[in-house]
Amino acid sequence: MTDALVETVTICTAEHTDEELARFAQEHLLDEETAGYMAELFKSLADPTRLRIVGLLANAEVCVGDLHQIMGMTQPAISHHLRVLRNLRLVKARRDGRHVYYTLDDDHVELLFRQGLSHVLHS
């Protein structure tokens, strides 16, 4: 992170050609599709209820009925939040008879959550 900041400051203060600036942008600027997907991902995590669900799922597989009780919300409301998270591949479902269990989709989601939590709790 610091290296990127130093490089940015250097680019802004140094004499450079348009070609150098274009090369820098090409190497470091996200394409619009990727930036759009990331914006949707972070927008979905901007909801406190969804973050709380992700926090639970970072520690255990939980069924919808248990989430409903733990969160003190209606089952349709929980299902809505899970659908948003599932559509962005942040959580995945496993059916066992009449029950549907949710976990985080992969380790990247847990890392994203834990890094965000660490940043918020850092004083």
N, C-alpha and C. Protein backbone atom coordinates (compact mmCIF):
# COMPACT_ATOMS: atom_id res chain seq x y z
N MET A 1 0.83 -1.19 0.00
CA MET A 1 0.00 0.00 0.00
C MET A 1 0.87 1.24 0.00
N THR A 2 1.88 1.28 0.84
CA THR A 2 2.76 2.43 0.90
C THR A 2 3.52 2.61 -0.40
N ASP A 3 4.00 1.50 -1.00
CA ASP A 3 4.70 1.59 -2.27
C ASP A 3 3.83 2.22 -3.34
N ALA A 4 2.55 1.85 -3.38
CA ALA A 4 1.65 2.42 -4.38
C ALA A 4 1.48 3.91 -4.16
N LEU A 5 1.40 4.32 -2.90
CA LEU A 5 1.26 5.74 -2.59
C LEU A 5 2.52 6.50 -3.01
N VAL A 6 3.68 5.95 -2.71
CA VAL A 6 4.94 6.58 -3.11
C VAL A 6 5.01 6.69 -4.62
N GLU A 7 4.62 5.62 -5.32
CA GLU A 7 4.66 5.65 -6.78
C GLU A 7 3.71 6.70 -7.32
N THR A 8 2.52 6.81 -6.72
CA THR A 8 1.55 7.80 -7.16
C THR A 8 2.09 9.21 -6.96
N VAL A 9 2.69 9.46 -5.81
CA VAL A 9 3.26 10.78 -5.54
C VAL A 9 4.37 11.07 -6.54
N THR A 10 5.20 10.08 -6.82
CA THR A 10 6.28 10.26 -7.79
C THR A 10 5.71 10.60 -9.16
N ILE A 11 4.68 9.91 -9.57
CA ILE A 11 4.06 10.19 -10.87
C ILE A 11 3.53 11.62 -10.91
N CYS A 12 2.94 12.05 -9.82
CA CYS A 12 2.32 13.38 -9.80
C CYS A 12 3.34 14.50 -9.75
N THR A 13 4.51 14.25 -9.22
CA THR A 13 5.47 15.33 -9.07
C THR A 13 6.59 15.29 -10.09
N ALA A 14 6.75 14.18 -10.76
CA ALA A 14 7.87 14.04 -11.70
C ALA A 14 7.47 14.52 -13.09
N GLU A 15 8.45 14.95 -13.83
CA GLU A 15 8.23 15.23 -15.25
C GLU A 15 8.03 13.88 -15.93
N HIS A 16 7.00 13.76 -16.72
CA HIS A 16 6.76 12.49 -17.40
C HIS A 16 6.15 12.76 -18.76
N THR A 17 6.25 11.78 -19.61
CA THR A 17 5.65 11.90 -20.93
C THR A 17 4.25 11.31 -20.90
N ASP A 18 3.46 11.65 -21.88
CA ASP A 18 2.12 11.08 -21.98
C ASP A 18 2.21 9.56 -22.11
N GLU A 19 3.25 9.08 -22.77
CA GLU A 19 3.44 7.64 -22.94
C GLU A 19 3.67 6.96 -21.59
N GLU A 20 4.47 7.58 -20.73
CA GLU A 20 4.73 7.01 -19.40
C GLU A 20 3.45 7.00 -18.57
N LEU A 21 2.70 8.07 -18.64
CA LEU A 21 1.45 8.15 -17.89
C LEU A 21 0.45 7.10 -18.41
N ALA A 22 0.37 6.94 -19.71
CA ALA A 22 -0.52 5.94 -20.30
C ALA A 22 -0.10 4.53 -19.87
N ARG A 23 1.18 4.25 -19.85
CA ARG A 23 1.68 2.94 -19.43
C ARG A 23 1.34 2.70 -17.95
N PHE A 24 1.54 3.73 -17.13
CA PHE A 24 1.21 3.62 -15.70
C PHE A 24 -0.28 3.30 -15.53
N ALA A 25 -1.13 4.03 -16.23
CA ALA A 25 -2.57 3.81 -16.13
C ALA A 25 -2.93 2.41 -16.61
N GLN A 26 -2.34 1.97 -17.69
CA GLN A 26 -2.64 0.64 -18.23
C GLN A 26 -2.26 -0.45 -17.23
N GLU A 27 -1.19 -0.25 -16.50
CA GLU A 27 -0.72 -1.25 -15.53
C GLU A 27 -1.54 -1.25 -14.25
N HIS A 28 -2.10 -0.10 -13.86
CA HIS A 28 -2.68 0.02 -12.52
C HIS A 28 -4.17 0.32 -12.48
N LEU A 29 -4.77 0.78 -13.55
CA LEU A 29 -6.18 1.16 -13.53
C LEU A 29 -7.05 -0.06 -13.80
N LEU A 30 -8.03 -0.29 -12.91
CA LEU A 30 -8.96 -1.40 -13.11
C LEU A 30 -9.81 -1.15 -14.35
N ASP A 31 -10.11 -2.23 -15.07
CA ASP A 31 -11.03 -2.07 -16.19
C ASP A 31 -12.44 -1.85 -15.62
N GLU A 32 -13.32 -1.28 -16.43
CA GLU A 32 -14.65 -0.90 -15.95
C GLU A 32 -15.47 -2.09 -15.47
N GLU A 33 -15.38 -3.21 -16.15
CA GLU A 33 -16.15 -4.38 -15.75
C GLU A 33 -15.72 -4.88 -14.37
N THR A 34 -14.42 -4.97 -14.15
CA THR A 34 -13.91 -5.42 -12.85
C THR A 34 -14.28 -4.42 -11.76
N ALA A 35 -14.11 -3.13 -12.04
CA ALA A 35 -14.46 -2.09 -11.06
C ALA A 35 -15.95 -2.15 -10.73
N GLY A 36 -16.78 -2.39 -11.74
CA GLY A 36 -18.22 -2.48 -11.51
C GLY A 36 -18.58 -3.67 -10.63
N TYR A 37 -17.95 -4.82 -10.89
CA TYR A 37 -18.21 -6.00 -10.07
C TYR A 37 -17.75 -5.77 -8.63
N MET A 38 -16.58 -5.16 -8.48
CA MET A 38 -16.09 -4.88 -7.12
C MET A 38 -17.01 -3.90 -6.40
N ALA A 39 -17.53 -2.91 -7.11
CA ALA A 39 -18.45 -1.95 -6.50
C ALA A 39 -19.71 -2.67 -6.01
N GLU A 40 -20.24 -3.60 -6.81
CA GLU A 40 -21.41 -4.38 -6.40
C GLU A 40 -21.09 -5.22 -5.16
N LEU A 41 -19.92 -5.82 -5.15
CA LEU A 41 -19.50 -6.63 -4.01
C LEU A 41 -19.45 -5.78 -2.74
N PHE A 42 -18.78 -4.63 -2.82
CA PHE A 42 -18.66 -3.78 -1.63
C PHE A 42 -20.01 -3.16 -1.26
N LYS A 43 -20.85 -2.87 -2.25
CA LYS A 43 -22.17 -2.34 -1.96
C LYS A 43 -22.98 -3.36 -1.17
N SER A 44 -22.88 -4.63 -1.56
CA SER A 44 -23.62 -5.67 -0.84
C SER A 44 -23.12 -5.81 0.59
N LEU A 45 -21.83 -5.61 0.79
CA LEU A 45 -21.26 -5.71 2.14
C LEU A 45 -21.43 -4.43 2.94
N ALA A 46 -21.96 -3.38 2.33
CA ALA A 46 -22.20 -2.13 3.04
C ALA A 46 -23.44 -2.22 3.93
N ASP A 47 -24.17 -3.31 3.83
CA ASP A 47 -25.36 -3.52 4.65
C ASP A 47 -24.96 -4.21 5.96
N PRO A 48 -25.25 -3.59 7.11
CA PRO A 48 -24.84 -4.18 8.39
C PRO A 48 -25.39 -5.60 8.63
N THR A 49 -26.61 -5.86 8.20
CA THR A 49 -27.17 -7.20 8.38
C THR A 49 -26.37 -8.23 7.60
N ARG A 50 -26.01 -7.90 6.37
CA ARG A 50 -25.23 -8.84 5.56
C ARG A 50 -23.85 -9.05 6.16
N LEU A 51 -23.25 -8.00 6.68
CA LEU A 51 -21.94 -8.15 7.33
C LEU A 51 -22.04 -9.06 8.54
N ARG A 52 -23.11 -8.93 9.31
CA ARG A 52 -23.29 -9.79 10.48
C ARG A 52 -23.46 -11.24 10.05
N ILE A 53 -24.19 -11.46 8.96
CA ILE A 53 -24.36 -12.83 8.44
C ILE A 53 -23.01 -13.38 7.99
N VAL A 54 -22.26 -12.59 7.25
CA VAL A 54 -20.93 -13.03 6.79
C VAL A 54 -20.05 -13.34 7.99
N GLY A 55 -20.13 -12.52 9.04
CA GLY A 55 -19.34 -12.77 10.25
C GLY A 55 -19.68 -14.10 10.89
N LEU A 56 -20.96 -14.44 10.94
CA LEU A 56 -21.36 -15.75 11.48
C LEU A 56 -20.84 -16.87 10.60
N LEU A 57 -21.01 -16.70 9.28
CA LEU A 57 -20.61 -17.76 8.36
C LEU A 57 -19.10 -17.90 8.24
N ALA A 58 -18.37 -16.90 8.69
CA ALA A 58 -16.90 -17.00 8.72
C ALA A 58 -16.46 -17.98 9.80
N ASN A 59 -17.39 -18.33 10.69
CA ASN A 59 -17.04 -19.20 11.81
C ASN A 59 -17.75 -20.55 11.79
N ALA A 60 -18.83 -20.67 11.02
CA ALA A 60 -19.59 -21.93 11.03
C ALA A 60 -20.56 -21.98 9.87
N GLU A 61 -20.92 -23.20 9.51
CA GLU A 61 -22.01 -23.42 8.57
C GLU A 61 -23.31 -23.27 9.37
N VAL A 62 -24.25 -22.49 8.86
CA VAL A 62 -25.47 -22.21 9.61
C VAL A 62 -26.67 -22.38 8.68
N CYS A 63 -27.76 -22.97 9.21
CA CYS A 63 -28.96 -23.13 8.39
C CYS A 63 -29.82 -21.87 8.48
N VAL A 64 -30.69 -21.71 7.50
CA VAL A 64 -31.52 -20.51 7.41
C VAL A 64 -32.37 -20.34 8.67
N GLY A 65 -32.94 -21.43 9.17
CA GLY A 65 -33.77 -21.36 10.38
C GLY A 65 -32.99 -20.84 11.57
N ASP A 66 -31.75 -21.29 11.72
CA ASP A 66 -30.93 -20.81 12.83
C ASP A 66 -30.56 -19.34 12.64
N LEU A 67 -30.25 -18.95 11.40
CA LEU A 67 -29.95 -17.54 11.13
C LEU A 67 -31.15 -16.66 11.49
N HIS A 68 -32.34 -17.13 11.16
CA HIS A 68 -33.58 -16.42 11.47
C HIS A 68 -33.68 -16.18 12.97
N GLN A 69 -33.40 -17.21 13.77
CA GLN A 69 -33.47 -17.07 15.23
C GLN A 69 -32.34 -16.21 15.78
N ILE A 70 -31.12 -16.47 15.34
CA ILE A 70 -29.95 -15.73 15.83
C ILE A 70 -30.08 -14.24 15.54
N MET A 71 -30.51 -13.91 14.33
CA MET A 71 -30.58 -12.52 13.89
C MET A 71 -31.85 -11.82 14.36
N GLY A 72 -32.85 -12.58 14.79
CA GLY A 72 -34.11 -11.98 15.21
C GLY A 72 -34.87 -11.33 14.06
N MET A 73 -34.77 -11.94 12.89
CA MET A 73 -35.43 -11.42 11.69
C MET A 73 -36.33 -12.50 11.11
N THR A 74 -37.25 -12.09 10.25
CA THR A 74 -38.11 -13.07 9.60
C THR A 74 -37.28 -13.92 8.63
N GLN A 75 -37.76 -15.13 8.39
CA GLN A 75 -37.05 -16.01 7.47
C GLN A 75 -37.01 -15.43 6.05
N PRO A 76 -38.09 -14.80 5.55
CA PRO A 76 -38.00 -14.18 4.22
C PRO A 76 -36.94 -13.07 4.15
N ALA A 77 -36.79 -12.30 5.22
CA ALA A 77 -35.77 -11.24 5.23
C ALA A 77 -34.37 -11.84 5.18
N ILE A 78 -34.15 -12.89 5.97
CA ILE A 78 -32.85 -13.57 5.96
C ILE A 78 -32.59 -14.15 4.57
N SER A 79 -33.60 -14.77 3.99
CA SER A 79 -33.45 -15.37 2.65
C SER A 79 -33.10 -14.31 1.61
N HIS A 80 -33.69 -13.13 1.73
CA HIS A 80 -33.37 -12.04 0.80
C HIS A 80 -31.89 -11.68 0.89
N HIS A 81 -31.39 -11.48 2.11
CA HIS A 81 -29.98 -11.12 2.29
C HIS A 81 -29.06 -12.23 1.78
N LEU A 82 -29.42 -13.47 2.05
CA LEU A 82 -28.61 -14.60 1.57
C LEU A 82 -28.61 -14.68 0.05
N ARG A 83 -29.74 -14.36 -0.57
CA ARG A 83 -29.82 -14.38 -2.04
C ARG A 83 -28.87 -13.33 -2.64
N VAL A 84 -28.85 -12.13 -2.04
CA VAL A 84 -27.93 -11.09 -2.52
C VAL A 84 -26.49 -11.57 -2.40
N LEU A 85 -26.14 -12.15 -1.26
CA LEU A 85 -24.78 -12.64 -1.04
C LEU A 85 -24.45 -13.82 -1.96
N ARG A 86 -25.42 -14.67 -2.19
CA ARG A 86 -25.21 -15.83 -3.07
C ARG A 86 -25.02 -15.39 -4.52
N ASN A 87 -25.79 -14.41 -4.96
CA ASN A 87 -25.68 -13.92 -6.34
C ASN A 87 -24.30 -13.33 -6.63
N LEU A 88 -23.62 -12.83 -5.61
CA LEU A 88 -22.28 -12.28 -5.77
C LEU A 88 -21.19 -13.30 -5.42
N ARG A 89 -21.61 -14.55 -5.24
CA ARG A 89 -20.69 -15.65 -4.91
C ARG A 89 -19.92 -15.41 -3.61
N LEU A 90 -20.59 -14.76 -2.66
CA LEU A 90 -19.97 -14.56 -1.35
C LEU A 90 -20.32 -15.70 -0.40
N VAL A 91 -21.50 -16.29 -0.58
CA VAL A 91 -21.90 -17.46 0.21
C VAL A 91 -22.39 -18.54 -0.75
N LYS A 92 -22.41 -19.77 -0.23
CA LYS A 92 -22.95 -20.89 -1.01
C LYS A 92 -23.86 -21.71 -0.10
N ALA A 93 -24.78 -22.44 -0.73
CA ALA A 93 -25.78 -23.20 0.00
C ALA A 93 -25.57 -24.70 -0.21
N ARG A 94 -25.97 -25.44 0.82
CA ARG A 94 -25.97 -26.91 0.76
C ARG A 94 -27.29 -27.39 1.34
N ARG A 95 -28.02 -28.17 0.57
CA ARG A 95 -29.31 -28.68 1.03
C ARG A 95 -29.11 -30.04 1.69
N ASP A 96 -29.78 -30.22 2.84
CA ASP A 96 -29.78 -31.50 3.54
C ASP A 96 -31.23 -31.76 3.97
N GLY A 97 -31.94 -32.51 3.15
CA GLY A 97 -33.36 -32.73 3.42
C GLY A 97 -34.13 -31.43 3.26
N ARG A 98 -34.83 -31.05 4.33
CA ARG A 98 -35.62 -29.81 4.29
C ARG A 98 -34.80 -28.59 4.68
N HIS A 99 -33.58 -28.78 5.12
CA HIS A 99 -32.77 -27.67 5.61
C HIS A 99 -31.76 -27.22 4.56
N VAL A 100 -31.52 -25.92 4.53
CA VAL A 100 -30.49 -25.35 3.65
C VAL A 100 -29.44 -24.71 4.55
N TYR A 101 -28.21 -25.15 4.38
CA TYR A 101 -27.09 -24.65 5.17
C TYR A 101 -26.24 -23.72 4.32
N TYR A 102 -25.76 -22.66 4.94
CA TYR A 102 -24.93 -21.69 4.23
C TYR A 102 -23.54 -21.62 4.84
N THR A 103 -22.57 -21.41 3.97
CA THR A 103 -21.18 -21.15 4.36
C THR A 103 -20.65 -20.07 3.43
N LEU A 104 -19.49 -19.54 3.78
CA LEU A 104 -18.83 -18.61 2.87
C LEU A 104 -18.41 -19.37 1.63
N ASP A 105 -18.41 -18.70 0.50
CA ASP A 105 -18.11 -19.37 -0.77
C ASP A 105 -16.67 -19.85 -0.85
N ASP A 106 -15.72 -19.07 -0.34
CA ASP A 106 -14.32 -19.49 -0.36
C ASP A 106 -13.51 -18.68 0.66
N ASP A 107 -12.23 -18.99 0.73
CA ASP A 107 -11.36 -18.33 1.71
C ASP A 107 -11.20 -16.84 1.46
N HIS A 108 -11.36 -16.41 0.20
CA HIS A 108 -11.20 -14.99 -0.11
C HIS A 108 -12.25 -14.15 0.61
N VAL A 109 -13.46 -14.69 0.73
CA VAL A 109 -14.54 -13.96 1.39
C VAL A 109 -14.22 -13.79 2.87
N GLU A 110 -13.74 -14.86 3.48
CA GLU A 110 -13.37 -14.78 4.90
C GLU A 110 -12.23 -13.79 5.09
N LEU A 111 -11.24 -13.82 4.23
CA LEU A 111 -10.11 -12.89 4.32
C LEU A 111 -10.59 -11.45 4.18
N LEU A 112 -11.46 -11.20 3.21
CA LEU A 112 -12.01 -9.86 3.01
C LEU A 112 -12.72 -9.38 4.27
N PHE A 113 -13.55 -10.26 4.86
CA PHE A 113 -14.27 -9.91 6.08
C PHE A 113 -13.30 -9.64 7.24
N ARG A 114 -12.37 -10.55 7.45
CA ARG A 114 -11.45 -10.41 8.59
C ARG A 114 -10.53 -9.19 8.43
N GLN A 115 -10.10 -8.89 7.22
CA GLN A 115 -9.27 -7.70 6.99
C GLN A 115 -10.07 -6.43 7.28
N GLY A 116 -11.33 -6.40 6.83
CA GLY A 116 -12.19 -5.25 7.10
C GLY A 116 -12.42 -5.08 8.59
N LEU A 117 -12.69 -6.18 9.28
CA LEU A 117 -12.91 -6.13 10.72
C LEU A 117 -11.65 -5.66 11.43
N SER A 118 -10.52 -6.18 11.04
CA SER A 118 -9.24 -5.77 11.63
C SER A 118 -9.01 -4.28 11.44
N HIS A 119 -9.32 -3.78 10.26
CA HIS A 119 -9.14 -2.35 9.98
C HIS A 119 -10.04 -1.50 10.88
N VAL A 120 -11.29 -1.93 11.04
CA VAL A 120 -12.25 -1.18 11.86
C VAL A 120 -11.85 -1.21 13.33
N LEU A 121 -11.36 -2.35 13.81
CA LEU A 121 -11.00 -2.49 15.23
C LEU A 121 -9.63 -1.93 15.56
N HIS A 122 -8.83 -1.64 14.54
CA HIS A 122 -7.49 -1.09 14.74
C HIS A 122 -7.61 0.32 15.30
N SER A 123 -6.89 0.57 16.39
CA SER A 123 -6.99 1.91 16.98
C SER A 123 -5.67 2.62 17.02
